[in-house]
Amino acid sequence: MKEKLAARFAELDAHLANHDYLADEFSVADAYCFTIVNWSNFLALPLKPYPHLQAYLTRIASRPHVRDALIAEGLAR
């Protein structure tokens, strides 16, 4: 499983090297991707090898509605 995730994270990282979002602008795909990839925190999967993916997560987390949802769920302060 970890090898498969690493391959997918590498694909995402390569795409995000040249794009801010999965498509031309923020979409529901980004909200879903953020949720799924953010689970790496709970699974202790390091994202250090994927700097563009890390920046993407930070970018999505800083969106006001995402931030509000993270706070409401107790995942951020």
Protein backbone atom coordinates (compact mmCIF):
# COMPACT_ATOMS: atom_id res chain seq x y z
CA MET A 1 0.00 0.00 0.00
CA LYS A 2 2.76 2.45 0.92
CA GLU A 3 4.48 1.86 -2.43
CA LYS A 4 1.26 2.54 -4.33
CA LEU A 5 0.65 5.72 -2.35
CA ALA A 6 4.23 6.85 -2.92
CA ALA A 7 3.75 6.45 -6.68
CA ARG A 8 0.50 8.46 -6.60
CA PHE A 9 2.02 11.14 -4.39
CA ALA A 10 4.94 11.41 -6.83
CA GLU A 11 2.48 11.89 -9.72
CA LEU A 12 0.63 14.59 -7.81
CA ASP A 13 3.90 16.27 -6.82
CA ALA A 14 5.04 16.37 -10.46
CA HIS A 15 1.72 17.88 -11.58
CA LEU A 16 1.73 20.44 -8.77
CA ALA A 17 5.23 21.54 -9.68
CA ASN A 18 3.63 23.52 -12.53
CA HIS A 19 0.04 23.98 -11.32
CA ASP A 20 -1.57 25.51 -8.25
CA TYR A 21 -4.55 23.15 -8.43
CA LEU A 22 -5.50 19.86 -10.07
CA ALA A 23 -7.40 21.73 -12.80
CA ASP A 24 -7.11 25.33 -13.99
CA GLU A 25 -8.67 26.66 -10.80
CA PHE A 26 -9.80 25.36 -7.42
CA SER A 27 -12.49 22.69 -7.77
CA VAL A 28 -14.22 19.93 -5.86
CA ALA A 29 -11.38 17.66 -7.01
CA ASP A 30 -8.98 19.73 -4.92
CA ALA A 31 -11.24 19.52 -1.86
CA TYR A 32 -11.38 15.75 -2.22
CA CYS A 33 -7.65 15.40 -2.89
CA PHE A 34 -6.86 17.57 0.13
CA THR A 35 -9.00 15.37 2.35
CA ILE A 36 -7.51 12.10 1.12
CA VAL A 37 -3.87 13.25 1.09
CA ASN A 38 -4.30 14.89 4.50
CA TRP A 39 -5.00 11.42 5.91
CA SER A 40 -1.26 10.83 5.50
CA ASN A 41 -0.91 12.65 8.84
CA PHE A 42 -3.00 10.01 10.59
CA LEU A 43 -1.18 7.15 8.84
CA ALA A 44 2.28 8.54 9.61
CA LEU A 45 3.16 8.71 5.92
CA PRO A 46 5.86 11.33 5.43
CA LEU A 47 5.28 13.90 2.69
CA LYS A 48 8.81 15.35 2.89
CA PRO A 49 9.77 13.79 -0.49
CA TYR A 50 6.90 15.72 -2.13
CA PRO A 51 7.52 19.45 -1.60
CA HIS A 52 4.96 20.56 -4.20
CA LEU A 53 2.31 18.36 -2.63
CA GLN A 54 3.13 19.81 0.78
CA ALA A 55 2.81 23.36 -0.60
CA TYR A 56 -0.51 22.38 -2.19
CA LEU A 57 -1.86 21.12 1.13
CA THR A 58 -0.81 24.36 2.79
CA ARG A 59 -2.42 26.38 -0.02
CA ILE A 60 -5.72 24.49 0.26
CA ALA A 61 -5.69 24.60 4.08
CA SER A 62 -5.34 28.38 3.99
CA ARG A 63 -8.61 28.82 2.08
CA PRO A 64 -11.12 30.41 4.50
CA HIS A 65 -13.85 27.75 4.22
CA VAL A 66 -11.35 24.90 4.44
CA ARG A 67 -9.78 26.53 7.49
CA ASP A 68 -13.22 26.89 9.09
CA ALA A 69 -13.97 23.22 8.43
CA LEU A 70 -10.62 22.10 9.88
CA ILE A 71 -11.27 24.15 13.03
CA ALA A 72 -14.83 22.82 13.35
CA GLU A 73 -13.51 19.25 13.10
CA GLY A 74 -10.79 19.87 15.67
CA LEU A 75 -8.01 19.39 13.11
CA ALA A 76 -6.67 22.95 13.39
CA ARG A 77 -6.74 25.84 15.82
